[in-house]
N, C-alpha and C. Protein backbone atom coordinates (compact mmCIF):
# COMPACT_ATOMS: atom_id res chain seq x y z
N MET A 1 -13.85 2.49 -1.56
CA MET A 1 -13.12 1.76 -2.17
C MET A 1 -11.66 1.31 -2.25
N ILE A 2 -11.39 -0.09 -2.40
CA ILE A 2 -10.25 -0.63 -2.32
C ILE A 2 -10.43 -1.40 -2.79
N LYS A 3 -9.56 -1.60 -3.88
CA LYS A 3 -9.21 -3.14 -4.98
C LYS A 3 -7.43 -2.75 -5.14
N VAL A 4 -7.31 -4.30 -5.03
CA VAL A 4 -6.20 -4.66 -4.87
C VAL A 4 -5.99 -6.25 -5.83
N THR A 5 -4.11 -5.68 -6.46
CA THR A 5 -4.15 -6.50 -8.11
C THR A 5 -2.60 -7.00 -8.17
N GLN A 6 -2.34 -8.09 -7.67
CA GLN A 6 -0.90 -8.37 -8.43
C GLN A 6 -0.72 -8.04 -9.47
N VAL A 7 0.83 -7.30 -9.57
CA VAL A 7 0.71 -7.93 -10.71
C VAL A 7 1.84 -9.68 -11.90
N PRO A 8 1.36 -9.69 -12.63
CA PRO A 8 1.55 -10.64 -12.91
C PRO A 8 3.11 -10.94 -13.10
N GLY A 9 3.52 -12.12 -12.00
CA GLY A 9 4.92 -12.87 -12.71
C GLY A 9 5.46 -11.41 -11.52
N THR A 10 5.29 -11.04 -11.09
CA THR A 10 6.17 -9.99 -10.16
C THR A 10 5.25 -10.73 -8.64
N ASN A 11 6.79 -9.83 -7.79
CA ASN A 11 5.94 -9.66 -6.05
C ASN A 11 4.99 -8.17 -5.83
N ILE A 12 5.50 -7.74 -6.97
CA ILE A 12 4.19 -6.05 -6.99
C ILE A 12 3.12 -6.68 -7.42
N VAL A 13 3.14 -5.29 -5.64
CA VAL A 13 1.02 -5.13 -5.36
C VAL A 13 0.35 -4.08 -5.90
N GLU A 14 -0.44 -3.61 -6.68
CA GLU A 14 -1.14 -2.38 -7.06
C GLU A 14 -2.14 -2.31 -5.75
N MET A 15 -2.57 -1.00 -5.18
CA MET A 15 -3.74 -0.90 -4.00
C MET A 15 -3.99 0.30 -5.00
N GLU A 16 -5.40 0.44 -5.45
CA GLU A 16 -5.91 1.58 -5.04
C GLU A 16 -7.43 1.83 -4.08
N ILE A 17 -7.18 3.11 -3.62
CA ILE A 17 -7.96 3.56 -3.00
C ILE A 17 -8.83 4.93 -3.41
N ASP A 18 -9.94 4.22 -3.08
CA ASP A 18 -10.43 5.89 -3.49
C ASP A 18 -12.22 5.68 -3.28
N GLY A 19 -12.38 6.68 -1.21
CA GLY A 19 -14.02 6.70 -1.29
C GLY A 19 -13.23 5.85 -0.46
N ALA A 20 -14.97 5.17 0.17
CA ALA A 20 -14.76 4.71 2.00
C ALA A 20 -14.38 3.18 1.38
N ILE A 21 -13.73 2.95 2.85
CA ILE A 21 -13.54 1.27 2.29
C ILE A 21 -14.57 0.55 3.23
N SER A 22 -15.58 -0.64 2.92
CA SER A 22 -15.82 -1.50 2.91
C SER A 22 -15.54 -2.37 4.22
N THR A 23 -15.86 -3.22 5.44
CA THR A 23 -15.35 -3.76 5.60
C THR A 23 -14.83 -5.46 5.14
N ALA A 24 -15.87 -5.66 4.12
CA ALA A 24 -15.56 -6.76 3.70
C ALA A 24 -14.34 -6.63 2.56
N GLU A 25 -14.00 -5.35 1.64
CA GLU A 25 -12.51 -4.77 1.29
C GLU A 25 -11.71 -4.87 1.86
N PHE A 26 -11.39 -4.26 3.08
CA PHE A 26 -10.33 -4.41 3.97
C PHE A 26 -10.08 -5.42 4.19
N ASP A 27 -11.33 -6.41 4.40
CA ASP A 27 -10.96 -7.99 5.38
C ASP A 27 -10.55 -8.56 3.65
N SER A 28 -10.51 -8.67 2.71
CA SER A 28 -10.27 -8.80 0.97
C SER A 28 -8.66 -8.32 0.68
N ALA A 29 -8.59 -7.82 1.19
CA ALA A 29 -7.32 -6.31 0.96
C ALA A 29 -6.13 -7.04 1.49
N LEU A 30 -7.02 -7.61 2.98
CA LEU A 30 -5.90 -7.75 3.58
C LEU A 30 -5.25 -9.04 2.96
N GLU A 31 -6.21 -9.87 2.72
CA GLU A 31 -6.01 -11.87 2.78
C GLU A 31 -5.24 -11.53 1.64
N LYS A 32 -5.42 -10.89 0.28
CA LYS A 32 -4.51 -11.27 -1.27
C LYS A 32 -3.05 -10.24 -1.11
N LEU A 33 -3.11 -8.72 -0.09
CA LEU A 33 -1.64 -8.98 0.22
C LEU A 33 -0.74 -10.21 1.26
N ASP A 34 -1.48 -10.84 1.98
CA ASP A 34 -0.95 -11.24 2.60
C ASP A 34 -0.70 -13.07 2.01
N SER A 35 -1.46 -13.38 0.51
CA SER A 35 -1.65 -14.04 -0.28
C SER A 35 -0.14 -14.09 -1.06
N ALA A 36 0.07 -12.65 -1.28
CA ALA A 36 1.56 -12.37 -2.28
C ALA A 36 2.68 -12.44 -1.57
N ILE A 37 1.63 -12.56 -0.09
CA ILE A 37 3.35 -11.83 0.75
C ILE A 37 3.87 -13.85 0.96
N LYS A 38 3.04 -14.62 1.34
CA LYS A 38 3.42 -16.08 1.05
C LYS A 38 3.65 -16.34 0.00
N GLN A 39 3.45 -16.40 -0.95
CA GLN A 39 3.94 -16.84 -2.54
C GLN A 39 5.19 -15.87 -3.19
N TYR A 40 5.49 -15.39 -2.58
CA TYR A 40 7.02 -14.55 -2.86
C TYR A 40 8.13 -14.20 -1.84
N GLY A 41 7.82 -14.48 -0.56
CA GLY A 41 7.95 -13.91 0.40
C GLY A 41 8.45 -12.62 0.76
N SER A 42 7.85 -11.62 -0.17
CA SER A 42 8.47 -10.53 0.42
C SER A 42 7.63 -9.81 -0.82
N ILE A 43 6.75 -8.50 -0.49
CA ILE A 43 6.29 -8.15 -1.35
C ILE A 43 6.79 -6.42 -1.74
N LYS A 44 6.86 -5.74 -3.11
CA LYS A 44 6.62 -4.45 -3.15
C LYS A 44 5.41 -4.04 -3.30
N VAL A 45 5.03 -3.09 -2.96
CA VAL A 45 3.30 -2.51 -2.90
C VAL A 45 3.88 -0.89 -3.71
N LEU A 46 2.48 -0.83 -4.64
CA LEU A 46 2.45 0.37 -5.07
C LEU A 46 0.82 1.05 -4.39
N GLU A 47 0.62 2.05 -3.84
CA GLU A 47 -0.90 2.42 -3.74
C GLU A 47 -1.23 3.53 -3.98
N ARG A 48 -2.13 3.97 -5.06
CA ARG A 48 -2.67 4.44 -5.78
C ARG A 48 -4.34 5.19 -4.69
N ILE A 49 -3.09 6.77 -4.35
CA ILE A 49 -4.94 7.16 -2.90
C ILE A 49 -5.18 8.31 -3.75
N GLY A 50 -6.98 7.74 -3.93
CA GLY A 50 -7.94 9.12 -4.72
C GLY A 50 -8.28 9.91 -3.79
N GLU A 51 -9.96 9.60 -3.38
CA GLU A 51 -9.88 10.41 -2.44
C GLU A 51 -10.51 9.29 -0.76
N LEU A 52 -10.42 10.14 -0.26
CA LEU A 52 -10.16 9.25 1.44
C LEU A 52 -11.26 9.17 1.77
N GLY A 53 -12.50 8.76 2.40
CA GLY A 53 -13.92 8.44 3.60
C GLY A 53 -13.03 8.14 4.58
N THR A 54 -13.46 8.61 5.47
CA THR A 54 -13.58 9.39 6.91
C THR A 54 -14.44 8.92 7.15
N PRO A 55 -13.52 7.86 8.45
CA PRO A 55 -12.02 7.28 8.63
C PRO A 55 -11.66 6.53 7.02
N PRO A 56 -10.70 6.77 7.14
CA PRO A 56 -10.26 5.72 5.68
C PRO A 56 -10.78 4.79 5.93
N ILE A 57 -10.09 3.68 6.86
CA ILE A 57 -10.99 2.07 6.75
C ILE A 57 -11.89 2.34 8.35
N PRO A 58 -13.02 1.11 8.17
CA PRO A 58 -14.20 1.20 8.82
C PRO A 58 -13.44 0.99 10.37
N TRP A 59 -13.96 1.44 11.19
CA TRP A 59 -13.17 2.00 12.60
C TRP A 59 -12.81 0.56 13.05
N SER A 60 -13.79 -0.52 12.85
CA SER A 60 -13.41 -1.67 13.59
C SER A 60 -12.31 -2.06 12.94
N LYS A 61 -11.97 -1.92 12.02
CA LYS A 61 -10.48 -2.59 11.41
C LYS A 61 -9.40 -2.03 11.56
N PHE A 62 -8.84 -0.65 12.47
CA PHE A 62 -7.71 0.02 12.73
C PHE A 62 -6.92 -1.18 13.72
N TRP A 63 -7.41 -2.10 14.12
CA TRP A 63 -6.64 -2.92 15.45
C TRP A 63 -6.00 -3.39 14.26
N ASP A 64 -7.03 -4.77 12.91
CA ASP A 64 -6.41 -5.32 11.94
C ASP A 64 -5.76 -4.61 11.18
N ASP A 65 -5.67 -3.34 10.59
CA ASP A 65 -4.54 -2.75 10.12
C ASP A 65 -2.80 -2.83 10.59
N ILE A 66 -3.06 -2.44 12.22
CA ILE A 66 -1.59 -2.33 12.94
C ILE A 66 -1.23 -3.69 13.08
N LYS A 67 -2.31 -4.56 13.66
CA LYS A 67 -1.91 -5.79 13.53
C LYS A 67 -1.03 -6.87 11.93
N PHE A 68 -1.53 -6.82 11.01
CA PHE A 68 -0.89 -6.83 10.21
C PHE A 68 0.12 -5.70 9.43
N GLY A 69 0.32 -4.87 10.17
CA GLY A 69 1.49 -3.81 9.65
C GLY A 69 2.19 -4.55 10.45
N PHE A 70 2.12 -4.54 12.28
CA PHE A 70 3.62 -5.42 13.05
C PHE A 70 3.59 -6.42 12.07
N GLU A 71 2.95 -7.35 11.98
CA GLU A 71 3.47 -8.92 11.53
C GLU A 71 4.29 -9.29 10.28
N HIS A 72 3.91 -7.83 10.08
CA HIS A 72 4.96 -7.85 8.60
C HIS A 72 5.57 -7.16 7.92
N LEU A 73 6.10 -6.50 8.97
CA LEU A 73 6.82 -5.39 8.52
C LEU A 73 7.67 -5.15 8.15
N SER A 74 8.87 -7.31 8.37
CA SER A 74 10.40 -7.10 6.94
C SER A 74 9.03 -7.81 5.40
N ASP A 75 7.99 -7.91 5.38
CA ASP A 75 7.83 -8.60 4.56
C ASP A 75 7.47 -7.28 3.21
N ILE A 76 7.46 -5.95 3.95
CA ILE A 76 7.38 -5.60 2.74
C ILE A 76 8.67 -4.56 2.18
N THR A 77 8.52 -4.61 1.31
CA THR A 77 10.67 -3.96 1.45
C THR A 77 9.90 -2.28 0.03
N HIS A 78 9.66 -2.54 -0.69
CA HIS A 78 8.89 -1.32 -1.05
C HIS A 78 7.83 -0.45 -1.05
N ALA A 79 7.56 0.29 -0.98
CA ALA A 79 6.36 1.45 -0.81
C ALA A 79 6.03 2.90 -1.57
N ALA A 80 5.65 2.47 -3.24
CA ALA A 80 5.33 3.30 -3.81
C ALA A 80 3.68 4.43 -3.57
N VAL A 81 3.40 5.58 -2.94
CA VAL A 81 2.28 6.08 -2.25
C VAL A 81 1.85 7.08 -3.36
N VAL A 82 1.52 7.10 -4.20
CA VAL A 82 1.02 7.22 -5.36
C VAL A 82 0.09 8.29 -4.99
N ALA A 83 0.00 9.92 -4.88
CA ALA A 83 -1.60 10.52 -3.93
C ALA A 83 -1.07 12.62 -4.55
N ASP A 84 -2.64 12.84 -4.73
CA ASP A 84 -1.99 14.31 -4.89
C ASP A 84 -2.17 15.57 -3.74
N GLN A 85 -3.46 14.44 -2.89
CA GLN A 85 -2.74 15.51 -1.58
C GLN A 85 -2.30 15.81 -0.79
N SER A 86 -1.53 16.87 -0.32
CA SER A 86 -0.61 17.60 -0.58
C SER A 86 0.31 17.30 0.62
N TRP A 87 -0.80 16.44 1.73
CA TRP A 87 -0.23 16.03 2.93
C TRP A 87 0.40 14.70 3.14
N ILE A 88 -0.11 14.29 2.27
CA ILE A 88 0.75 12.38 1.65
C ILE A 88 2.17 12.82 2.03
N ALA A 89 2.95 13.47 1.17
CA ALA A 89 4.41 13.30 1.16
C ALA A 89 4.82 13.68 1.57
N PRO A 90 4.90 14.41 2.19
CA PRO A 90 5.54 14.08 3.93
C PRO A 90 5.29 13.46 5.28
N TYR A 91 3.78 13.05 4.93
CA TYR A 91 3.75 11.40 6.26
C TYR A 91 4.51 10.28 5.56
N VAL A 92 4.30 10.62 4.32
CA VAL A 92 5.53 9.62 4.00
C VAL A 92 6.90 9.65 4.04
N LYS A 93 7.43 10.47 4.07
CA LYS A 93 8.77 11.38 4.04
C LYS A 93 9.01 11.15 5.86
N LEU A 94 7.85 10.69 6.66
CA LEU A 94 7.61 10.87 8.47
C LEU A 94 8.14 9.04 7.69
N LEU A 95 8.01 8.71 7.39
CA LEU A 95 7.33 6.89 7.39
C LEU A 95 8.78 6.24 7.58
N ASN A 96 9.68 7.57 6.54
CA ASN A 96 10.25 6.36 5.74
C ASN A 96 11.33 5.59 7.06
N PRO A 97 11.77 6.70 7.60
CA PRO A 97 12.91 5.79 8.80
C PRO A 97 12.23 4.50 10.27
N LEU A 98 11.16 5.23 9.83
CA LEU A 98 10.11 4.16 10.85
C LEU A 98 10.00 2.67 10.42
N PHE A 99 10.23 2.22 9.17
CA PHE A 99 9.50 1.14 8.64
C PHE A 99 11.02 0.39 8.13
N LYS A 100 11.49 -0.94 7.89
CA LYS A 100 11.73 -1.64 6.85
C LYS A 100 12.22 -1.13 5.61
N ALA A 101 11.12 -1.13 5.28
CA ALA A 101 10.22 -0.60 3.80
C ALA A 101 11.32 0.58 3.60
N GLU A 102 11.06 0.60 1.77
CA GLU A 102 11.45 1.99 1.29
C GLU A 102 10.66 2.53 1.01
N PHE A 103 9.98 3.71 1.81
CA PHE A 103 8.85 4.36 0.71
C PHE A 103 9.42 5.58 -0.01
N ARG A 104 8.59 5.94 -0.67
CA ARG A 104 8.67 7.29 -1.29
C ARG A 104 7.06 7.53 -2.24
N SER A 105 7.40 8.43 -2.42
CA SER A 105 6.08 9.39 -2.82
C SER A 105 5.84 10.02 -3.70
N PHE A 106 4.54 10.11 -4.76
CA PHE A 106 4.04 10.58 -5.64
C PHE A 106 3.64 11.06 -7.07
N LYS A 107 3.90 11.75 -7.13
CA LYS A 107 1.44 12.41 -7.62
C LYS A 107 1.44 11.30 -8.63
N LEU A 108 -0.32 11.54 -8.68
CA LEU A 108 -1.02 10.95 -9.16
C LEU A 108 -0.37 10.66 -11.02
N SER A 109 -0.19 11.97 -11.25
CA SER A 109 0.67 11.80 -12.48
C SER A 109 2.45 11.36 -12.69
N GLU A 110 2.75 11.03 -12.16
CA GLU A 110 3.88 10.12 -12.08
C GLU A 110 3.62 8.55 -12.01
N LEU A 111 2.83 8.42 -11.81
CA LEU A 111 1.95 6.71 -12.19
C LEU A 111 3.06 5.90 -12.67
N GLU A 112 3.24 5.86 -13.69
CA GLU A 112 4.26 5.10 -14.61
C GLU A 112 5.57 5.54 -13.54
N SER A 113 6.46 6.33 -13.47
CA SER A 113 7.25 6.26 -12.55
C SER A 113 7.73 6.03 -11.26
N ALA A 114 6.35 5.80 -10.48
CA ALA A 114 6.34 4.58 -9.08
C ALA A 114 5.94 3.13 -10.09
N ARG A 115 5.72 2.76 -10.79
CA ARG A 115 5.69 1.78 -11.78
C ARG A 115 7.06 0.93 -11.42
N GLU A 116 7.65 2.38 -12.25
CA GLU A 116 9.57 1.55 -13.09
C GLU A 116 10.22 1.52 -11.19
N TRP A 117 10.26 2.36 -10.89
CA TRP A 117 10.85 2.75 -9.90
C TRP A 117 10.49 1.42 -9.10
N LEU A 118 9.33 0.62 -8.52
CA LEU A 118 8.76 -0.52 -7.84
C LEU A 118 9.61 -1.59 -8.41
N SER A 119 9.54 -2.03 -10.05
CA SER A 119 9.85 -3.22 -11.01
C SER A 119 11.35 -2.79 -10.73
N LYS A 120 12.24 -1.66 -10.38
CA LYS A 120 13.69 -1.73 -10.70
C LYS A 120 14.06 -1.91 -9.30
N ALA A 121 13.86 -1.25 -8.33
CA ALA A 121 14.03 -1.40 -6.25
C ALA A 121 14.14 -2.92 -6.58
N SER A 122 15.11 -3.53 -5.18
CA SER A 122 15.37 -4.99 -5.45
C SER A 122 15.58 -5.13 -3.19
């Protein structure tokens, strides 16, 4: 399941991922992200990760995911990744120098701190 919600009156988009993601859910998520980018020019993303399915997105959507990422490299300015899996924080740290966006990882118990960081980020 993937749920995408735009925080009203801001350029912050929250994504909640838990379990398997269907093709329709994935397409809908990209449409919502694209819509927010068109509305604001750039966005900040909070990605809350619960359990991940295997694979995390449908195999048929891997190219769409990569393509979307490259098309919007400069459209996402900040990303807060909120998860308790031990491998995610080092992965986020690895991504930081590879992208224009500033990435930070938070534990699920730090969800409000992640939201605060995004709201203050410029």
